[in-house]
Amino acid sequence: MKIKENFILRNVAGSFVVVPTGKATVDFSGMITLNETGVFLWKQLETDQTKDELVSALLKEYDVDETTAQNDIEAFLKILEENNLLIK
């Protein structure tokens, strides 16, 4: 899975936000603010990744146990899916 092409991550006044571009501006009427971990996962998803690859990357980057990493990734992916931001 990966992030759809018409969504980009921007740093606006010290906050990281996801904004639509092009055709996506018609279908997406909002903005998503990401924390540091969300930014890390977003950048991972700019290329095709599996859940296992995301868990592995998160475990290498942060001092977190595997169960917490899996739960956090599931919650993050759910938000992306609910907002139609992922290609599976």
N, C-alpha and C. Protein backbone atom coordinates (compact mmCIF):
# COMPACT_ATOMS: atom_id res chain seq x y z
N MET A 1 0.84 -1.17 0.00
CA MET A 1 0.00 0.00 0.00
C MET A 1 0.88 1.24 0.00
N LYS A 2 0.32 2.33 -0.52
CA LYS A 2 1.07 3.58 -0.52
C LYS A 2 0.09 4.75 -0.60
N ILE A 3 0.62 5.93 -0.37
CA ILE A 3 -0.17 7.15 -0.41
C ILE A 3 -0.54 7.47 -1.86
N LYS A 4 -1.77 7.91 -2.06
CA LYS A 4 -2.19 8.32 -3.41
C LYS A 4 -1.35 9.52 -3.87
N GLU A 5 -1.20 9.64 -5.18
CA GLU A 5 -0.32 10.66 -5.75
C GLU A 5 -0.73 12.10 -5.46
N ASN A 6 -1.99 12.40 -5.38
CA ASN A 6 -2.41 13.80 -5.26
C ASN A 6 -2.52 14.32 -3.84
N PHE A 7 -1.74 13.74 -2.94
CA PHE A 7 -1.69 14.22 -1.57
C PHE A 7 -0.23 14.43 -1.18
N ILE A 8 0.05 15.57 -0.56
CA ILE A 8 1.42 15.88 -0.19
C ILE A 8 1.49 16.30 1.28
N LEU A 9 2.66 16.13 1.83
CA LEU A 9 2.94 16.52 3.20
C LEU A 9 3.65 17.85 3.18
N ARG A 10 3.16 18.81 3.95
CA ARG A 10 3.76 20.13 4.02
C ARG A 10 3.97 20.54 5.47
N ASN A 11 5.02 21.32 5.69
CA ASN A 11 5.28 21.91 6.99
C ASN A 11 4.73 23.33 6.94
N VAL A 12 3.68 23.57 7.73
CA VAL A 12 3.04 24.88 7.77
C VAL A 12 3.15 25.43 9.18
N ALA A 13 3.95 26.46 9.33
CA ALA A 13 4.13 27.11 10.64
C ALA A 13 4.50 26.12 11.74
N GLY A 14 5.37 25.18 11.41
CA GLY A 14 5.85 24.22 12.38
C GLY A 14 4.99 22.98 12.58
N SER A 15 3.86 22.90 11.87
CA SER A 15 2.99 21.73 11.93
C SER A 15 3.01 21.03 10.58
N PHE A 16 3.00 19.71 10.62
CA PHE A 16 2.97 18.94 9.38
C PHE A 16 1.52 18.61 9.04
N VAL A 17 1.13 18.97 7.82
CA VAL A 17 -0.24 18.74 7.36
C VAL A 17 -0.23 18.06 6.00
N VAL A 18 -1.28 17.27 5.77
CA VAL A 18 -1.49 16.62 4.48
C VAL A 18 -2.48 17.48 3.72
N VAL A 19 -2.11 17.83 2.49
CA VAL A 19 -3.00 18.65 1.68
C VAL A 19 -3.21 17.99 0.31
N PRO A 20 -4.40 18.16 -0.25
CA PRO A 20 -4.67 17.61 -1.57
C PRO A 20 -4.13 18.54 -2.65
N THR A 21 -3.82 17.96 -3.80
CA THR A 21 -3.43 18.74 -4.97
C THR A 21 -4.20 18.22 -6.17
N GLY A 22 -4.24 19.02 -7.21
CA GLY A 22 -4.88 18.58 -8.45
C GLY A 22 -6.31 18.14 -8.24
N LYS A 23 -6.67 17.03 -8.88
CA LYS A 23 -8.03 16.48 -8.84
C LYS A 23 -8.48 16.15 -7.41
N ALA A 24 -7.55 15.81 -6.55
CA ALA A 24 -7.90 15.44 -5.18
C ALA A 24 -8.54 16.59 -4.41
N THR A 25 -8.30 17.83 -4.83
CA THR A 25 -8.91 18.96 -4.12
C THR A 25 -10.43 18.94 -4.24
N VAL A 26 -10.96 18.31 -5.28
CA VAL A 26 -12.40 18.21 -5.47
C VAL A 26 -13.01 17.21 -4.50
N ASP A 27 -12.33 16.08 -4.29
CA ASP A 27 -12.87 14.98 -3.48
C ASP A 27 -12.53 15.07 -2.00
N PHE A 28 -11.51 15.83 -1.66
CA PHE A 28 -11.04 15.88 -0.26
C PHE A 28 -11.20 17.30 0.25
N SER A 29 -12.07 17.49 1.22
CA SER A 29 -12.32 18.84 1.73
C SER A 29 -11.87 18.95 3.17
N GLY A 30 -10.59 18.85 3.36
CA GLY A 30 -10.10 18.94 4.72
C GLY A 30 -8.59 18.98 4.75
N MET A 31 -8.08 18.76 5.93
CA MET A 31 -6.64 18.76 6.13
C MET A 31 -6.37 17.82 7.30
N ILE A 32 -5.30 17.07 7.23
CA ILE A 32 -4.92 16.16 8.30
C ILE A 32 -3.59 16.64 8.87
N THR A 33 -3.54 16.82 10.17
CA THR A 33 -2.32 17.21 10.85
C THR A 33 -1.65 15.96 11.41
N LEU A 34 -0.34 15.84 11.20
CA LEU A 34 0.39 14.66 11.64
C LEU A 34 1.40 15.01 12.73
N ASN A 35 1.57 14.10 13.68
CA ASN A 35 2.63 14.24 14.66
C ASN A 35 3.91 13.65 14.07
N GLU A 36 4.97 13.62 14.85
CA GLU A 36 6.28 13.15 14.37
C GLU A 36 6.21 11.71 13.84
N THR A 37 5.53 10.84 14.56
CA THR A 37 5.40 9.45 14.13
C THR A 37 4.57 9.35 12.86
N GLY A 38 3.50 10.13 12.78
CA GLY A 38 2.68 10.16 11.58
C GLY A 38 3.47 10.61 10.36
N VAL A 39 4.32 11.62 10.55
CA VAL A 39 5.18 12.09 9.45
C VAL A 39 6.12 10.98 9.01
N PHE A 40 6.70 10.27 9.97
CA PHE A 40 7.60 9.17 9.65
C PHE A 40 6.88 8.10 8.83
N LEU A 41 5.68 7.71 9.28
CA LEU A 41 4.92 6.68 8.57
C LEU A 41 4.47 7.18 7.19
N TRP A 42 4.06 8.43 7.11
CA TRP A 42 3.67 9.00 5.82
C TRP A 42 4.82 8.90 4.82
N LYS A 43 6.01 9.28 5.25
CA LYS A 43 7.17 9.22 4.36
C LYS A 43 7.47 7.78 3.94
N GLN A 44 7.27 6.82 4.85
CA GLN A 44 7.45 5.42 4.49
C GLN A 44 6.45 5.01 3.41
N LEU A 45 5.23 5.53 3.51
CA LEU A 45 4.15 5.17 2.59
C LEU A 45 4.20 5.93 1.27
N GLU A 46 5.20 6.77 1.09
CA GLU A 46 5.37 7.42 -0.21
C GLU A 46 5.84 6.41 -1.25
N THR A 47 6.34 5.28 -0.76
CA THR A 47 6.66 4.14 -1.63
C THR A 47 5.83 2.96 -1.12
N ASP A 48 5.65 1.98 -1.95
CA ASP A 48 4.82 0.83 -1.60
C ASP A 48 5.40 0.09 -0.39
N GLN A 49 4.58 -0.09 0.65
CA GLN A 49 5.00 -0.75 1.89
C GLN A 49 3.93 -1.71 2.36
N THR A 50 4.35 -2.78 3.01
CA THR A 50 3.41 -3.66 3.69
C THR A 50 3.32 -3.24 5.16
N LYS A 51 2.33 -3.76 5.87
CA LYS A 51 2.22 -3.46 7.30
C LYS A 51 3.46 -3.95 8.04
N ASP A 52 3.95 -5.13 7.67
CA ASP A 52 5.15 -5.67 8.33
C ASP A 52 6.36 -4.77 8.10
N GLU A 53 6.48 -4.21 6.91
CA GLU A 53 7.59 -3.30 6.63
C GLU A 53 7.46 -2.02 7.45
N LEU A 54 6.23 -1.55 7.62
CA LEU A 54 6.02 -0.35 8.43
C LEU A 54 6.38 -0.63 9.89
N VAL A 55 5.97 -1.78 10.39
CA VAL A 55 6.29 -2.15 11.78
C VAL A 55 7.81 -2.22 11.95
N SER A 56 8.47 -2.87 11.04
CA SER A 56 9.93 -3.00 11.11
C SER A 56 10.61 -1.63 11.11
N ALA A 57 10.16 -0.75 10.22
CA ALA A 57 10.74 0.59 10.13
C ALA A 57 10.50 1.38 11.41
N LEU A 58 9.30 1.28 11.96
CA LEU A 58 8.98 1.99 13.19
C LEU A 58 9.81 1.48 14.36
N LEU A 59 10.00 0.17 14.43
CA LEU A 59 10.82 -0.41 15.51
C LEU A 59 12.27 0.02 15.42
N LYS A 60 12.77 0.21 14.21
CA LYS A 60 14.16 0.66 14.03
C LYS A 60 14.32 2.13 14.38
N GLU A 61 13.28 2.92 14.14
CA GLU A 61 13.36 4.38 14.32
C GLU A 61 13.05 4.83 15.75
N TYR A 62 12.13 4.14 16.41
CA TYR A 62 11.65 4.57 17.72
C TYR A 62 11.83 3.47 18.77
N ASP A 63 11.95 3.89 20.02
CA ASP A 63 12.06 2.96 21.13
C ASP A 63 10.64 2.57 21.56
N VAL A 64 10.09 1.56 20.88
CA VAL A 64 8.72 1.13 21.10
C VAL A 64 8.66 -0.38 20.96
N ASP A 65 7.75 -1.02 21.69
CA ASP A 65 7.62 -2.47 21.56
C ASP A 65 6.77 -2.80 20.33
N GLU A 66 6.85 -4.04 19.90
CA GLU A 66 6.19 -4.45 18.65
C GLU A 66 4.67 -4.33 18.73
N THR A 67 4.08 -4.67 19.86
CA THR A 67 2.63 -4.58 20.00
C THR A 67 2.15 -3.14 19.86
N THR A 68 2.84 -2.22 20.51
CA THR A 68 2.49 -0.81 20.42
C THR A 68 2.66 -0.31 18.99
N ALA A 69 3.75 -0.72 18.34
CA ALA A 69 3.99 -0.32 16.95
C ALA A 69 2.87 -0.81 16.05
N GLN A 70 2.49 -2.06 16.20
CA GLN A 70 1.41 -2.62 15.38
C GLN A 70 0.09 -1.88 15.60
N ASN A 71 -0.24 -1.61 16.86
CA ASN A 71 -1.48 -0.92 17.19
C ASN A 71 -1.49 0.50 16.63
N ASP A 72 -0.35 1.20 16.77
CA ASP A 72 -0.26 2.57 16.26
C ASP A 72 -0.37 2.61 14.74
N ILE A 73 0.25 1.65 14.08
CA ILE A 73 0.18 1.59 12.62
C ILE A 73 -1.23 1.27 12.17
N GLU A 74 -1.90 0.35 12.84
CA GLU A 74 -3.29 0.02 12.50
C GLU A 74 -4.17 1.26 12.61
N ALA A 75 -4.00 2.02 13.69
CA ALA A 75 -4.80 3.23 13.89
C ALA A 75 -4.49 4.26 12.81
N PHE A 76 -3.23 4.43 12.47
CA PHE A 76 -2.83 5.39 11.45
C PHE A 76 -3.38 5.00 10.08
N LEU A 77 -3.25 3.73 9.74
CA LEU A 77 -3.75 3.25 8.45
C LEU A 77 -5.27 3.38 8.36
N LYS A 78 -5.96 3.18 9.48
CA LYS A 78 -7.41 3.33 9.50
C LYS A 78 -7.81 4.76 9.15
N ILE A 79 -7.11 5.73 9.71
CA ILE A 79 -7.39 7.14 9.40
C ILE A 79 -7.15 7.42 7.92
N LEU A 80 -6.04 6.91 7.40
CA LEU A 80 -5.74 7.12 5.97
C LEU A 80 -6.80 6.46 5.09
N GLU A 81 -7.23 5.27 5.46
CA GLU A 81 -8.25 4.55 4.68
C GLU A 81 -9.59 5.28 4.75
N GLU A 82 -9.96 5.76 5.92
CA GLU A 82 -11.22 6.49 6.08
C GLU A 82 -11.26 7.75 5.23
N ASN A 83 -10.10 8.33 4.99
CA ASN A 83 -10.01 9.55 4.19
C ASN A 83 -9.62 9.27 2.75
N ASN A 84 -9.60 7.98 2.39
CA ASN A 84 -9.32 7.56 1.02
C ASN A 84 -7.96 8.07 0.51
N LEU A 85 -6.94 7.93 1.33
CA LEU A 85 -5.61 8.42 0.98
C LEU A 85 -4.65 7.30 0.56
N LEU A 86 -5.08 6.05 0.66
CA LEU A 86 -4.19 4.92 0.38
C LEU A 86 -4.56 4.19 -0.90
N ILE A 87 -3.53 3.70 -1.58
CA ILE A 87 -3.68 2.76 -2.68
C ILE A 87 -3.26 1.42 -2.11
N LYS A 88 -4.12 0.42 -2.21
CA LYS A 88 -3.76 -0.90 -1.67
C LYS A 88 -3.28 -1.81 -2.76
